[in-house]
Amino acid sequence: MLLREFEQLSSAEIADLLQLTVNLQLTEEYKASLTSPAASVSTRIHNAFVAGYRNASETMLGFVLFFAESVPTLLIWLNLYGS
């Protein structure tokens, strides 16, 4: 469309030209894939022991760090209280 033709259009015609309609349709299809079955029982037991060991070591480290942080403060307070 030329500029002269555009200038001659009415505002309603310009609005009709500028109007935009979008139709969008989304669909999702799920297809189950063939994957290997869950890990074997022995692997799951091994993983449970490893997770248990990690939890136990983290707990012990937490106790050690707690006492390393708290004992100096307790000693200072006991020393001040005992004086």
N, C-alpha and C. Protein backbone atom coordinates (compact mmCIF):
# COMPACT_ATOMS: atom_id res chain seq x y z
N MET A 1 0.86 -1.16 0.00
CA MET A 1 0.00 0.00 0.00
C MET A 1 0.91 1.23 0.00
N LEU A 2 0.60 2.15 -0.86
CA LEU A 2 1.38 3.36 -0.98
C LEU A 2 0.99 4.35 0.11
N LEU A 3 1.87 5.30 0.38
CA LEU A 3 1.64 6.30 1.40
C LEU A 3 0.40 7.14 1.08
N ARG A 4 0.21 7.51 -0.21
CA ARG A 4 -0.97 8.31 -0.59
C ARG A 4 -2.26 7.56 -0.31
N GLU A 5 -2.27 6.27 -0.61
CA GLU A 5 -3.46 5.47 -0.35
C GLU A 5 -3.72 5.35 1.15
N PHE A 6 -2.66 5.22 1.94
CA PHE A 6 -2.79 5.10 3.39
C PHE A 6 -3.35 6.39 3.98
N GLU A 7 -2.91 7.52 3.47
CA GLU A 7 -3.39 8.81 3.97
C GLU A 7 -4.86 9.03 3.67
N GLN A 8 -5.38 8.40 2.64
CA GLN A 8 -6.78 8.58 2.25
C GLN A 8 -7.73 7.66 3.04
N LEU A 9 -7.20 6.71 3.76
CA LEU A 9 -8.04 5.79 4.51
C LEU A 9 -8.63 6.49 5.72
N SER A 10 -9.82 6.04 6.11
CA SER A 10 -10.45 6.59 7.32
C SER A 10 -9.84 5.91 8.54
N SER A 11 -10.11 6.47 9.70
CA SER A 11 -9.55 5.90 10.93
C SER A 11 -10.08 4.49 11.17
N ALA A 12 -11.31 4.21 10.79
CA ALA A 12 -11.87 2.86 10.96
C ALA A 12 -11.15 1.87 10.07
N GLU A 13 -10.83 2.28 8.85
CA GLU A 13 -10.12 1.40 7.94
C GLU A 13 -8.69 1.16 8.42
N ILE A 14 -8.06 2.21 8.98
CA ILE A 14 -6.71 2.04 9.53
C ILE A 14 -6.74 1.09 10.72
N ALA A 15 -7.77 1.23 11.57
CA ALA A 15 -7.90 0.33 12.72
C ALA A 15 -8.07 -1.10 12.26
N ASP A 16 -8.85 -1.31 11.18
CA ASP A 16 -9.03 -2.65 10.65
C ASP A 16 -7.72 -3.22 10.12
N LEU A 17 -6.90 -2.39 9.51
CA LEU A 17 -5.61 -2.85 8.99
C LEU A 17 -4.64 -3.20 10.11
N LEU A 18 -4.73 -2.47 11.23
CA LEU A 18 -3.78 -2.67 12.32
C LEU A 18 -4.22 -3.76 13.29
N GLN A 19 -5.45 -4.21 13.18
CA GLN A 19 -5.95 -5.22 14.09
C GLN A 19 -5.26 -6.55 13.81
N LEU A 20 -4.86 -7.22 14.88
CA LEU A 20 -4.13 -8.47 14.75
C LEU A 20 -4.81 -9.51 15.62
N THR A 21 -5.03 -10.66 15.06
CA THR A 21 -5.64 -11.75 15.80
C THR A 21 -4.67 -12.91 15.82
N VAL A 22 -4.47 -13.45 17.02
CA VAL A 22 -3.56 -14.59 17.18
C VAL A 22 -4.35 -15.74 17.78
N ASN A 23 -4.31 -16.86 17.13
CA ASN A 23 -4.90 -18.08 17.65
C ASN A 23 -3.77 -19.05 17.96
N LEU A 24 -3.77 -19.53 19.19
CA LEU A 24 -2.70 -20.40 19.63
C LEU A 24 -3.32 -21.61 20.31
N GLN A 25 -2.85 -22.77 19.92
CA GLN A 25 -3.36 -23.99 20.52
C GLN A 25 -2.16 -24.83 20.94
N LEU A 26 -2.10 -25.15 22.24
CA LEU A 26 -1.01 -25.96 22.77
C LEU A 26 -1.53 -27.34 23.12
N THR A 27 -0.79 -28.33 22.73
CA THR A 27 -1.13 -29.69 23.11
C THR A 27 0.13 -30.37 23.59
N GLU A 28 -0.05 -31.28 24.52
CA GLU A 28 1.08 -32.03 25.04
C GLU A 28 0.75 -33.51 24.95
N GLU A 29 1.67 -34.25 24.40
CA GLU A 29 1.47 -35.68 24.29
C GLU A 29 2.59 -36.36 25.07
N TYR A 30 2.20 -37.28 25.93
CA TYR A 30 3.18 -38.01 26.74
C TYR A 30 3.28 -39.42 26.19
N LYS A 31 4.49 -39.80 25.90
CA LYS A 31 4.74 -41.16 25.47
C LYS A 31 5.73 -41.78 26.44
N ALA A 32 5.32 -42.85 27.07
CA ALA A 32 6.19 -43.52 28.03
C ALA A 32 7.38 -44.11 27.30
N SER A 33 8.54 -43.88 27.86
CA SER A 33 9.74 -44.42 27.23
C SER A 33 10.14 -45.72 27.91
N LEU A 34 10.78 -46.53 27.17
CA LEU A 34 11.26 -47.79 27.71
C LEU A 34 12.61 -47.54 28.38
N THR A 35 12.59 -47.51 29.69
CA THR A 35 13.83 -47.30 30.44
C THR A 35 14.15 -48.58 31.20
N SER A 36 15.37 -48.63 31.66
CA SER A 36 15.76 -49.79 32.43
C SER A 36 14.99 -49.79 33.75
N PRO A 37 14.72 -50.95 34.29
CA PRO A 37 13.98 -51.01 35.55
C PRO A 37 14.79 -50.38 36.69
N ALA A 38 14.16 -50.23 37.83
CA ALA A 38 14.83 -49.64 38.99
C ALA A 38 16.09 -50.45 39.31
N ALA A 39 16.96 -49.82 40.08
CA ALA A 39 18.22 -50.46 40.43
C ALA A 39 17.95 -51.77 41.18
N SER A 40 18.90 -52.65 41.11
CA SER A 40 18.73 -53.95 41.77
C SER A 40 18.69 -53.76 43.29
N VAL A 41 18.24 -54.79 43.97
CA VAL A 41 18.11 -54.73 45.42
C VAL A 41 19.47 -54.51 46.07
N SER A 42 20.49 -55.19 45.59
CA SER A 42 21.82 -55.04 46.19
C SER A 42 22.36 -53.62 46.00
N THR A 43 22.09 -53.03 44.85
CA THR A 43 22.53 -51.65 44.62
C THR A 43 21.79 -50.70 45.54
N ARG A 44 20.50 -50.93 45.73
CA ARG A 44 19.72 -50.06 46.61
C ARG A 44 20.18 -50.19 48.06
N ILE A 45 20.50 -51.39 48.49
CA ILE A 45 21.01 -51.60 49.85
C ILE A 45 22.36 -50.92 50.02
N HIS A 46 23.23 -51.06 49.02
CA HIS A 46 24.53 -50.39 49.07
C HIS A 46 24.35 -48.89 49.16
N ASN A 47 23.47 -48.34 48.34
CA ASN A 47 23.22 -46.90 48.37
C ASN A 47 22.67 -46.46 49.72
N ALA A 48 21.83 -47.29 50.34
CA ALA A 48 21.29 -46.97 51.67
C ALA A 48 22.40 -46.94 52.71
N PHE A 49 23.33 -47.90 52.64
CA PHE A 49 24.45 -47.90 53.59
C PHE A 49 25.34 -46.68 53.38
N VAL A 50 25.58 -46.32 52.15
CA VAL A 50 26.41 -45.14 51.87
C VAL A 50 25.72 -43.88 52.40
N ALA A 51 24.42 -43.75 52.16
CA ALA A 51 23.68 -42.59 52.65
C ALA A 51 23.67 -42.57 54.17
N GLY A 52 23.51 -43.73 54.80
CA GLY A 52 23.53 -43.82 56.27
C GLY A 52 24.89 -43.43 56.83
N TYR A 53 25.96 -43.89 56.18
CA TYR A 53 27.31 -43.52 56.62
C TYR A 53 27.53 -42.02 56.51
N ARG A 54 27.09 -41.45 55.40
CA ARG A 54 27.23 -40.00 55.23
C ARG A 54 26.45 -39.24 56.29
N ASN A 55 25.22 -39.68 56.57
CA ASN A 55 24.41 -39.03 57.60
C ASN A 55 25.08 -39.13 58.96
N ALA A 56 25.60 -40.32 59.29
CA ALA A 56 26.26 -40.50 60.58
C ALA A 56 27.51 -39.63 60.70
N SER A 57 28.30 -39.56 59.63
CA SER A 57 29.51 -38.75 59.69
C SER A 57 29.18 -37.26 59.77
N GLU A 58 28.13 -36.83 59.08
CA GLU A 58 27.70 -35.43 59.18
C GLU A 58 27.20 -35.11 60.58
N THR A 59 26.50 -36.05 61.21
CA THR A 59 26.02 -35.84 62.56
C THR A 59 27.18 -35.73 63.54
N MET A 60 28.15 -36.63 63.42
CA MET A 60 29.32 -36.58 64.30
C MET A 60 30.09 -35.28 64.10
N LEU A 61 30.27 -34.87 62.88
CA LEU A 61 30.95 -33.61 62.60
C LEU A 61 30.17 -32.44 63.20
N GLY A 62 28.85 -32.50 63.13
CA GLY A 62 28.03 -31.46 63.74
C GLY A 62 28.25 -31.38 65.25
N PHE A 63 28.32 -32.56 65.94
CA PHE A 63 28.60 -32.57 67.37
C PHE A 63 29.96 -31.98 67.68
N VAL A 64 30.96 -32.37 66.93
CA VAL A 64 32.32 -31.87 67.15
C VAL A 64 32.36 -30.36 66.96
N LEU A 65 31.76 -29.87 65.90
CA LEU A 65 31.76 -28.43 65.66
C LEU A 65 30.97 -27.67 66.72
N PHE A 66 29.87 -28.25 67.20
CA PHE A 66 29.10 -27.62 68.26
C PHE A 66 29.94 -27.46 69.51
N PHE A 67 30.61 -28.54 69.92
CA PHE A 67 31.43 -28.46 71.13
C PHE A 67 32.65 -27.57 70.92
N ALA A 68 33.23 -27.58 69.74
CA ALA A 68 34.37 -26.71 69.47
C ALA A 68 33.96 -25.25 69.57
N GLU A 69 32.73 -24.96 69.23
CA GLU A 69 32.24 -23.58 69.29
C GLU A 69 31.78 -23.21 70.69
N SER A 70 31.22 -24.16 71.43
CA SER A 70 30.60 -23.85 72.72
C SER A 70 31.55 -23.96 73.90
N VAL A 71 32.49 -24.88 73.87
CA VAL A 71 33.37 -25.13 75.02
C VAL A 71 34.18 -23.89 75.39
N PRO A 72 34.82 -23.18 74.47
CA PRO A 72 35.58 -22.00 74.90
C PRO A 72 34.71 -20.96 75.63
N THR A 73 33.52 -20.76 75.18
CA THR A 73 32.62 -19.82 75.84
C THR A 73 32.26 -20.31 77.23
N LEU A 74 31.97 -21.60 77.36
CA LEU A 74 31.66 -22.17 78.67
C LEU A 74 32.84 -22.04 79.62
N LEU A 75 34.04 -22.30 79.13
CA LEU A 75 35.23 -22.18 79.97
C LEU A 75 35.43 -20.74 80.44
N ILE A 76 35.21 -19.79 79.58
CA ILE A 76 35.34 -18.39 79.99
C ILE A 76 34.32 -18.04 81.06
N TRP A 77 33.06 -18.45 80.87
CA TRP A 77 32.03 -18.15 81.87
C TRP A 77 32.32 -18.86 83.18
N LEU A 78 32.77 -20.10 83.14
CA LEU A 78 33.09 -20.83 84.37
C LEU A 78 34.26 -20.17 85.08
N ASN A 79 35.24 -19.69 84.32
CA ASN A 79 36.39 -19.03 84.91
C ASN A 79 35.97 -17.72 85.58
N LEU A 80 35.07 -16.97 84.93
CA LEU A 80 34.60 -15.72 85.52
C LEU A 80 33.70 -15.97 86.73
N TYR A 81 32.90 -16.99 86.66
CA TYR A 81 31.98 -17.31 87.76
C TYR A 81 32.75 -17.85 88.94
N GLY A 82 33.78 -18.64 88.68
CA GLY A 82 34.57 -19.26 89.74
C GLY A 82 35.47 -18.29 90.47
N SER A 83 35.73 -17.12 89.88
CA SER A 83 36.66 -16.16 90.50
C SER A 83 36.07 -15.47 91.67
